């Protein structure tokens, strides 16, 4: 991933927006290494400020930094239940 100007997060296949569920999404199908490590990586992201998620594939989204942090924390919780 690349965080540019604490505003734009280019995520590759790591993270995108699920239009139907209206929430951040990580796909286990696109996790080629370790789901546990990807979950830790997502958790570390919650310490950064950004408002755009710009994935290599999937839906992009813009949210306020506060809502983005809450969305990311909720995603981490969902990912932990999938271990």
PDB file of N, CA and C in Angstrom:
ATOM      1  N   UNK A   1       0.830  -1.179   0.000  1.00  0.00           N
ATOM      2  CA  UNK A   1       0.000   0.000   0.000  1.00  0.00           C
ATOM      3  C   UNK A   1       0.874   1.241   0.000  1.00  0.00           C
ATOM      4  N   UNK A   2       0.264   2.332  -0.428  1.00  0.00           N
ATOM      5  CA  UNK A   2       0.944   3.623  -0.448  1.00  0.00           C
ATOM      6  C   UNK A   2      -0.025   4.669   0.092  1.00  0.00           C
ATOM      7  N   UNK A   3       0.398   5.368   1.133  1.00  0.00           N
ATOM      8  CA  UNK A   3      -0.385   6.470   1.683  1.00  0.00           C
ATOM      9  C   UNK A   3       0.231   7.771   1.198  1.00  0.00           C
ATOM     10  N   UNK A   4      -0.554   8.555   0.491  1.00  0.00           N
ATOM     11  CA  UNK A   4      -0.079   9.804  -0.092  1.00  0.00           C
ATOM     12  C   UNK A   4      -0.759  10.985   0.593  1.00  0.00           C
ATOM     13  N   UNK A   5       0.060  11.881   1.144  1.00  0.00           N
ATOM     14  CA  UNK A   5      -0.389  13.117   1.785  1.00  0.00           C
ATOM     15  C   UNK A   5      -1.435  12.889   2.877  1.00  0.00           C
ATOM     16  N   UNK A   6      -1.358  11.764   3.572  1.00  0.00           N
ATOM     17  CA  UNK A   6      -2.318  11.437   4.637  1.00  0.00           C
ATOM     18  C   UNK A   6      -3.765  11.642   4.195  1.00  0.00           C
ATOM     19  N   UNK A   7      -3.996  11.353   2.919  1.00  0.00           N
ATOM     20  CA  UNK A   7      -5.337  11.529   2.374  1.00  0.00           C
ATOM     21  C   UNK A   7      -5.741  10.379   1.461  1.00  0.00           C
ATOM     22  N   UNK A   8      -4.810   9.924   0.626  1.00  0.00           N
ATOM     23  CA  UNK A   8      -5.106   8.914  -0.386  1.00  0.00           C
ATOM     24  C   UNK A   8      -4.363   7.620  -0.053  1.00  0.00           C
ATOM     25  N   UNK A   9      -5.096   6.535   0.127  1.00  0.00           N
ATOM     26  CA  UNK A   9      -4.481   5.236   0.396  1.00  0.00           C
ATOM     27  C   UNK A   9      -4.679   4.348  -0.831  1.00  0.00           C
ATOM     28  N   UNK A  10      -3.580   4.082  -1.536  1.00  0.00           N
ATOM     29  CA  UNK A  10      -3.590   3.155  -2.675  1.00  0.00           C
ATOM     30  C   UNK A  10      -3.362   1.758  -2.111  1.00  0.00           C
ATOM     31  N   UNK A  11      -4.324   0.864  -2.300  1.00  0.00           N
ATOM     32  CA  UNK A  11      -4.325  -0.392  -1.549  1.00  0.00           C
ATOM     33  C   UNK A  11      -4.024  -1.655  -2.356  1.00  0.00           C
ATOM     34  N   UNK A  12      -3.923  -1.564  -3.662  1.00  0.00           N
ATOM     35  CA  UNK A  12      -3.731  -2.793  -4.431  1.00  0.00           C
ATOM     36  C   UNK A  12      -4.911  -3.723  -4.210  1.00  0.00           C
ATOM     37  N   UNK A  13      -4.624  -4.976  -3.875  1.00  0.00           N
ATOM     38  CA  UNK A  13      -5.678  -5.968  -3.592  1.00  0.00           C
ATOM     39  C   UNK A  13      -5.951  -6.102  -2.102  1.00  0.00           C
ATOM     40  N   UNK A  14      -5.321  -5.277  -1.293  1.00  0.00           N
ATOM     41  CA  UNK A  14      -5.361  -5.405   0.163  1.00  0.00           C
ATOM     42  C   UNK A  14      -6.712  -5.009   0.757  1.00  0.00           C
ATOM     43  N   UNK A  15      -7.344  -3.998   0.171  1.00  0.00           N
ATOM     44  CA  UNK A  15      -8.512  -3.386   0.799  1.00  0.00           C
ATOM     45  C   UNK A  15      -9.342  -2.684  -0.265  1.00  0.00           C
ATOM     46  N   UNK A  16     -10.682  -2.809  -0.172  1.00  0.00           N
ATOM     47  CA  UNK A  16     -11.566  -2.043  -1.047  1.00  0.00           C
ATOM     48  C   UNK A  16     -12.894  -1.792  -0.351  1.00  0.00           C
ATOM     49  N   UNK A  17     -13.836  -1.250  -1.074  1.00  0.00           N
ATOM     50  CA  UNK A  17     -15.150  -0.919  -0.548  1.00  0.00           C
ATOM     51  C   UNK A  17     -16.174  -1.883  -1.130  1.00  0.00           C
ATOM     52  N   UNK A  18     -16.964  -2.490  -0.259  1.00  0.00           N
ATOM     53  CA  UNK A  18     -18.040  -3.384  -0.672  1.00  0.00           C
ATOM     54  C   UNK A  18     -19.294  -2.532  -0.865  1.00  0.00           C
ATOM     55  N   UNK A  19     -19.663  -2.314  -2.120  1.00  0.00           N
ATOM     56  CA  UNK A  19     -20.812  -1.461  -2.439  1.00  0.00           C
ATOM     57  C   UNK A  19     -22.111  -1.984  -1.855  1.00  0.00           C
ATOM     58  N   UNK A  20     -22.298  -3.287  -1.937  1.00  0.00           N
ATOM     59  CA  UNK A  20     -23.559  -3.870  -1.471  1.00  0.00           C
ATOM     60  C   UNK A  20     -23.697  -3.778   0.046  1.00  0.00           C
ATOM     61  N   UNK A  21     -22.641  -4.119   0.765  1.00  0.00           N
ATOM     62  CA  UNK A  21     -22.684  -4.083   2.228  1.00  0.00           C
ATOM     63  C   UNK A  21     -22.387  -2.687   2.778  1.00  0.00           C
ATOM     64  N   UNK A  22     -21.867  -1.802   1.919  1.00  0.00           N
ATOM     65  CA  UNK A  22     -21.494  -0.441   2.301  1.00  0.00           C
ATOM     66  C   UNK A  22     -20.522  -0.428   3.480  1.00  0.00           C
ATOM     67  N   UNK A  23     -19.400  -1.119   3.260  1.00  0.00           N
ATOM     68  CA  UNK A  23     -18.357  -1.177   4.281  1.00  0.00           C
ATOM     69  C   UNK A  23     -17.030  -1.563   3.634  1.00  0.00           C
ATOM     70  N   UNK A  24     -15.939  -1.327   4.359  1.00  0.00           N
ATOM     71  CA  UNK A  24     -14.629  -1.750   3.882  1.00  0.00           C
ATOM     72  C   UNK A  24     -14.576  -3.261   3.835  1.00  0.00           C
ATOM     73  N   UNK A  25     -13.760  -3.763   2.905  1.00  0.00           N
ATOM     74  CA  UNK A  25     -13.730  -5.200   2.648  1.00  0.00           C
ATOM     75  C   UNK A  25     -12.313  -5.659   2.337  1.00  0.00           C
ATOM     76  N   UNK A  26     -11.968  -6.801   2.876  1.00  0.00           N
ATOM     77  CA  UNK A  26     -10.728  -7.492   2.535  1.00  0.00           C
ATOM     78  C   UNK A  26     -11.107  -8.899   2.086  1.00  0.00           C
ATOM     79  N   UNK A  27     -10.534  -9.335   0.993  1.00  0.00           N
ATOM     80  CA  UNK A  27     -10.881 -10.631   0.435  1.00  0.00           C
ATOM     81  C   UNK A  27      -9.845 -11.683   0.799  1.00  0.00           C
ATOM     82  N   UNK A  28     -10.301 -12.713   1.430  1.00  0.00           N
ATOM     83  CA  UNK A  28      -9.407 -13.825   1.745  1.00  0.00           C
ATOM     84  C   UNK A  28      -8.921 -14.497   0.458  1.00  0.00           C
ATOM     85  N   UNK A  29      -9.717 -14.424  -0.595  1.00  0.00           N
ATOM     86  CA  UNK A  29      -9.336 -15.013  -1.880  1.00  0.00           C
ATOM     87  C   UNK A  29      -8.135 -14.306  -2.507  1.00  0.00           C
ATOM     88  N   UNK A  30      -7.942 -13.026  -2.155  1.00  0.00           N
ATOM     89  CA  UNK A  30      -6.826 -12.263  -2.702  1.00  0.00           C
ATOM     90  C   UNK A  30      -5.665 -12.132  -1.716  1.00  0.00           C
ATOM     91  N   UNK A  31      -5.747 -12.851  -0.633  1.00  0.00           N
ATOM     92  CA  UNK A  31      -4.657 -12.869   0.353  1.00  0.00           C
ATOM     93  C   UNK A  31      -3.788 -14.078   0.033  1.00  0.00           C
ATOM     94  N   UNK A  32      -2.655 -13.824  -0.622  1.00  0.00           N
ATOM     95  CA  UNK A  32      -1.820 -14.920  -1.101  1.00  0.00           C
ATOM     96  C   UNK A  32      -0.856 -15.436  -0.059  1.00  0.00           C
ATOM     97  N   UNK A  33      -0.769 -14.800   1.066  1.00  0.00           N
ATOM     98  CA  UNK A  33       0.225 -15.208   2.055  1.00  0.00           C
ATOM     99  C   UNK A  33      -0.463 -15.619   3.350  1.00  0.00           C
ATOM    100  N   UNK A  34      -0.604 -14.715   4.278  1.00  0.00           N
ATOM    101  CA  UNK A  34      -1.124 -15.027   5.602  1.00  0.00           C
ATOM    102  C   UNK A  34      -2.280 -14.096   5.966  1.00  0.00           C
ATOM    103  N   UNK A  35      -3.442 -14.669   6.221  1.00  0.00           N
ATOM    104  CA  UNK A  35      -4.597 -13.878   6.634  1.00  0.00           C
ATOM    105  C   UNK A  35      -4.314 -13.205   7.985  1.00  0.00           C
ATOM    106  N   UNK A  36      -3.645 -13.886   8.871  1.00  0.00           N
ATOM    107  CA  UNK A  36      -3.304 -13.302  10.171  1.00  0.00           C
ATOM    108  C   UNK A  36      -2.415 -12.072  10.000  1.00  0.00           C
ATOM    109  N   UNK A  37      -1.431 -12.143   9.091  1.00  0.00           N
ATOM    110  CA  UNK A  37      -0.558 -10.986   8.842  1.00  0.00           C
ATOM    111  C   UNK A  37      -1.321  -9.853   8.164  1.00  0.00           C
ATOM    112  N   UNK A  38      -2.229 -10.193   7.272  1.00  0.00           N
ATOM    113  CA  UNK A  38      -3.026  -9.155   6.631  1.00  0.00           C
ATOM    114  C   UNK A  38      -3.921  -8.475   7.664  1.00  0.00           C
ATOM    115  N   UNK A  39      -4.461  -9.231   8.593  1.00  0.00           N
ATOM    116  CA  UNK A  39      -5.280  -8.657   9.666  1.00  0.00           C
ATOM    117  C   UNK A  39      -4.453  -7.705  10.517  1.00  0.00           C
ATOM    118  N   UNK A  40      -3.226  -8.100  10.858  1.00  0.00           N
ATOM    119  CA  UNK A  40      -2.336  -7.214  11.621  1.00  0.00           C
ATOM    120  C   UNK A  40      -2.039  -5.940  10.841  1.00  0.00           C
ATOM    121  N   UNK A  41      -1.832  -6.077   9.546  1.00  0.00           N
ATOM    122  CA  UNK A  41      -1.565  -4.920   8.693  1.00  0.00           C
ATOM    123  C   UNK A  41      -2.750  -3.960   8.702  1.00  0.00           C
ATOM    124  N   UNK A  42      -3.950  -4.493   8.590  1.00  0.00           N
ATOM    125  CA  UNK A  42      -5.153  -3.646   8.627  1.00  0.00           C
ATOM    126  C   UNK A  42      -5.263  -2.937   9.974  1.00  0.00           C
ATOM    127  N   UNK A  43      -4.950  -3.646  11.039  1.00  0.00           N
ATOM    128  CA  UNK A  43      -5.012  -3.048  12.368  1.00  0.00           C
ATOM    129  C   UNK A  43      -4.028  -1.879  12.484  1.00  0.00           C
ATOM    130  N   UNK A  44      -2.832  -2.031  11.918  1.00  0.00           N
ATOM    131  CA  UNK A  44      -1.843  -0.940  11.936  1.00  0.00           C
ATOM    132  C   UNK A  44      -2.341   0.276  11.149  1.00  0.00           C
ATOM    133  N   UNK A  45      -3.088   0.038  10.083  1.00  0.00           N
ATOM    134  CA  UNK A  45      -3.628   1.140   9.286  1.00  0.00           C
ATOM    135  C   UNK A  45      -4.521   2.064  10.102  1.00  0.00           C
ATOM    136  N   UNK A  46      -5.174   1.536  11.118  1.00  0.00           N
ATOM    137  CA  UNK A  46      -6.074   2.356  11.938  1.00  0.00           C
ATOM    138  C   UNK A  46      -5.321   3.483  12.642  1.00  0.00           C
ATOM    139  N   UNK A  47      -4.008   3.399  12.712  1.00  0.00           N
ATOM    140  CA  UNK A  47      -3.204   4.454  13.307  1.00  0.00           C
ATOM    141  C   UNK A  47      -2.887   5.587  12.349  1.00  0.00           C
ATOM    142  N   UNK A  48      -3.304   5.472  11.105  1.00  0.00           N
ATOM    143  CA  UNK A  48      -3.033   6.497  10.093  1.00  0.00           C
ATOM    144  C   UNK A  48      -4.317   7.245   9.751  1.00  0.00           C
ATOM    145  N   UNK A  49      -4.143   8.436   9.233  1.00  0.00           N
ATOM    146  CA  UNK A  49      -5.274   9.252   8.818  1.00  0.00           C
ATOM    147  C   UNK A  49      -5.333   9.279   7.291  1.00  0.00           C
ATOM    148  N   UNK A  50      -6.488   8.953   6.750  1.00  0.00           N
ATOM    149  CA  UNK A  50      -6.719   9.046   5.307  1.00  0.00           C
ATOM    150  C   UNK A  50      -8.216   9.083   5.069  1.00  0.00           C
ATOM    151  N   UNK A  51      -8.608   9.542   3.904  1.00  0.00           N
ATOM    152  CA  UNK A  51     -10.030   9.633   3.591  1.00  0.00           C
ATOM    153  C   UNK A  51     -10.420   8.925   2.301  1.00  0.00           C
ATOM    154  N   UNK A  52      -9.438   8.525   1.524  1.00  0.00           N
ATOM    155  CA  UNK A  52      -9.713   7.797   0.279  1.00  0.00           C
ATOM    156  C   UNK A  52      -9.086   6.414   0.356  1.00  0.00           C
ATOM    157  N   UNK A  53      -9.835   5.397  -0.057  1.00  0.00           N
ATOM    158  CA  UNK A  53      -9.302   4.061  -0.324  1.00  0.00           C
ATOM    159  C   UNK A  53      -9.390   3.886  -1.832  1.00  0.00           C
ATOM    160  N   UNK A  54      -8.226   3.701  -2.455  1.00  0.00           N
ATOM    161  CA  UNK A  54      -8.125   3.578  -3.917  1.00  0.00           C
ATOM    162  C   UNK A  54      -7.504   2.220  -4.237  1.00  0.00           C
ATOM    163  N   UNK A  55      -8.337   1.202  -4.439  1.00  0.00           N
ATOM    164  CA  UNK A  55      -7.833  -0.150  -4.675  1.00  0.00           C
ATOM    165  C   UNK A  55      -7.395  -0.373  -6.117  1.00  0.00           C
ATOM    166  N   UNK A  56      -6.584  -1.409  -6.293  1.00  0.00           N
ATOM    167  CA  UNK A  56      -6.210  -1.822  -7.641  1.00  0.00           C
ATOM    168  C   UNK A  56      -7.395  -2.447  -8.354  1.00  0.00           C
ATOM    169  N   UNK A  57      -8.252  -3.101  -7.606  1.00  0.00           N
ATOM    170  CA  UNK A  57      -9.479  -3.716  -8.111  1.00  0.00           C
ATOM    171  C   UNK A  57     -10.565  -3.427  -7.096  1.00  0.00           C
ATOM    172  N   UNK A  58     -11.783  -3.372  -7.528  1.00  0.00           N
ATOM    173  CA  UNK A  58     -12.882  -3.132  -6.596  1.00  0.00           C
ATOM    174  C   UNK A  58     -13.251  -1.667  -6.523  1.00  0.00           C
ATOM    175  N   UNK A  59     -14.126  -1.375  -5.615  1.00  0.00           N
ATOM    176  CA  UNK A  59     -14.727  -0.046  -5.494  1.00  0.00           C
ATOM    177  C   UNK A  59     -13.879   0.872  -4.624  1.00  0.00           C
ATOM    178  N   UNK A  60     -13.660   2.087  -5.089  1.00  0.00           N
ATOM    179  CA  UNK A  60     -12.986   3.097  -4.272  1.00  0.00           C
ATOM    180  C   UNK A  60     -14.036   3.782  -3.397  1.00  0.00           C
ATOM    181  N   UNK A  61     -13.554   4.483  -2.370  1.00  0.00           N
ATOM    182  CA  UNK A  61     -14.478   5.182  -1.479  1.00  0.00           C
ATOM    183  C   UNK A  61     -13.775   6.368  -0.826  1.00  0.00           C
ATOM    184  N   UNK A  62     -14.559   7.395  -0.552  1.00  0.00           N
ATOM    185  CA  UNK A  62     -14.092   8.537   0.230  1.00  0.00           C
ATOM    186  C   UNK A  62     -15.002   8.677   1.439  1.00  0.00           C
ATOM    187  N   UNK A  63     -14.404   8.709   2.612  1.00  0.00           N
ATOM    188  CA  UNK A  63     -15.120   8.905   3.868  1.00  0.00           C
ATOM    189  C   UNK A  63     -14.331   9.897   4.709  1.00  0.00           C
ATOM    190  N   UNK A  64     -14.972  10.490   5.685  1.00  0.00           N
ATOM    191  CA  UNK A  64     -14.212  11.356   6.587  1.00  0.00           C
ATOM    192  C   UNK A  64     -13.163  10.495   7.307  1.00  0.00           C
ATOM    193  N   UNK A  65     -12.054  11.081   7.702  1.00  0.00           N
ATOM    194  CA  UNK A  65     -11.029  10.295   8.407  1.00  0.00           C
ATOM    195  C   UNK A  65     -11.566   9.576   9.647  1.00  0.00           C
ATOM    196  N   UNK A  66     -12.476  10.203  10.359  1.00  0.00           N
ATOM    197  CA  UNK A  66     -13.036   9.575  11.563  1.00  0.00           C
ATOM    198  C   UNK A  66     -13.867   8.352  11.214  1.00  0.00           C
ATOM    199  N   UNK A  67     -14.705   8.473  10.192  1.00  0.00           N
ATOM    200  CA  UNK A  67     -15.529   7.334   9.769  1.00  0.00           C
ATOM    201  C   UNK A  67     -14.644   6.246   9.166  1.00  0.00           C
ATOM    202  N   UNK A  68     -13.633   6.634   8.424  1.00  0.00           N
ATOM    203  CA  UNK A  68     -12.721   5.653   7.837  1.00  0.00           C
ATOM    204  C   UNK A  68     -12.061   4.824   8.934  1.00  0.00           C
ATOM    205  N   UNK A  69     -11.627   5.473  10.015  1.00  0.00           N
ATOM    206  CA  UNK A  69     -10.992   4.743  11.119  1.00  0.00           C
ATOM    207  C   UNK A  69     -11.987   3.753  11.748  1.00  0.00           C
ATOM    208  N   UNK A  70     -13.224   4.185  11.944  1.00  0.00           N
ATOM    209  CA  UNK A  70     -14.243   3.286  12.502  1.00  0.00           C
ATOM    210  C   UNK A  70     -14.517   2.115  11.565  1.00  0.00           C
ATOM    211  N   UNK A  71     -14.602   2.392  10.272  1.00  0.00           N
ATOM    212  CA  UNK A  71     -14.813   1.328   9.287  1.00  0.00           C
ATOM    213  C   UNK A  71     -13.657   0.322   9.314  1.00  0.00           C
ATOM    214  N   UNK A  72     -12.460   0.836   9.413  1.00  0.00           N
ATOM    215  CA  UNK A  72     -11.285  -0.026   9.435  1.00  0.00           C
ATOM    216  C   UNK A  72     -11.260  -0.886  10.696  1.00  0.00           C
ATOM    217  N   UNK A  73     -11.595  -0.305  11.822  1.00  0.00           N
ATOM    218  CA  UNK A  73     -11.647  -1.068  13.071  1.00  0.00           C
ATOM    219  C   UNK A  73     -12.706  -2.163  12.996  1.00  0.00           C
ATOM    220  N   UNK A  74     -13.849  -1.857  12.403  1.00  0.00           N
ATOM    221  CA  UNK A  74     -14.900  -2.866  12.240  1.00  0.00           C
ATOM    222  C   UNK A  74     -14.435  -3.982  11.308  1.00  0.00           C
ATOM    223  N   UNK A  75     -13.719  -3.630  10.248  1.00  0.00           N
ATOM    224  CA  UNK A  75     -13.185  -4.642   9.338  1.00  0.00           C
ATOM    225  C   UNK A  75     -12.205  -5.564  10.058  1.00  0.00           C
ATOM    226  N   UNK A  76     -11.330  -4.996  10.847  1.00  0.00           N
ATOM    227  CA  UNK A  76     -10.357  -5.815  11.588  1.00  0.00           C
ATOM    228  C   UNK A  76     -11.096  -6.812  12.484  1.00  0.00           C
ATOM    229  N   UNK A  77     -12.152  -6.380  13.132  1.00  0.00           N
ATOM    230  CA  UNK A  77     -12.916  -7.294  13.984  1.00  0.00           C
ATOM    231  C   UNK A  77     -13.520  -8.437  13.156  1.00  0.00           C
ATOM    232  N   UNK A  78     -14.054  -8.118  11.979  1.00  0.00           N
ATOM    233  CA  UNK A  78     -14.620  -9.171  11.119  1.00  0.00           C
ATOM    234  C   UNK A  78     -13.519 -10.124  10.667  1.00  0.00           C
ATOM    235  N   UNK A  79     -12.361  -9.570  10.322  1.00  0.00           N
ATOM    236  CA  UNK A  79     -11.257 -10.415   9.858  1.00  0.00           C
ATOM    237  C   UNK A  79     -10.788 -11.365  10.960  1.00  0.00           C
ATOM    238  N   UNK A  80     -10.762 -10.884  12.184  1.00  0.00           N
ATOM    239  CA  UNK A  80     -10.322 -11.731  13.312  1.00  0.00           C
ATOM    240  C   UNK A  80     -11.259 -12.908  13.520  1.00  0.00           C
ATOM    241  N   UNK A  81     -12.538 -12.737  13.225  1.00  0.00           N
ATOM    242  CA  UNK A  81     -13.476 -13.844  13.391  1.00  0.00           C
ATOM    243  C   UNK A  81     -13.345 -14.880  12.284  1.00  0.00           C
ATOM    244  N   UNK A  82     -12.631 -14.524  11.198  1.00  0.00           N
ATOM    245  CA  UNK A  82     -12.442 -15.439  10.081  1.00  0.00           C
ATOM    246  C   UNK A  82     -11.164 -16.261  10.207  1.00  0.00           C
ATOM    247  N   UNK A  83     -10.403 -16.054  11.281  1.00  0.00           N
ATOM    248  CA  UNK A  83      -9.151 -16.821  11.466  1.00  0.00           C
ATOM    249  C   UNK A  83      -9.444 -18.281  11.670  1.00  0.00           C
TER     250      UNK A  83
END
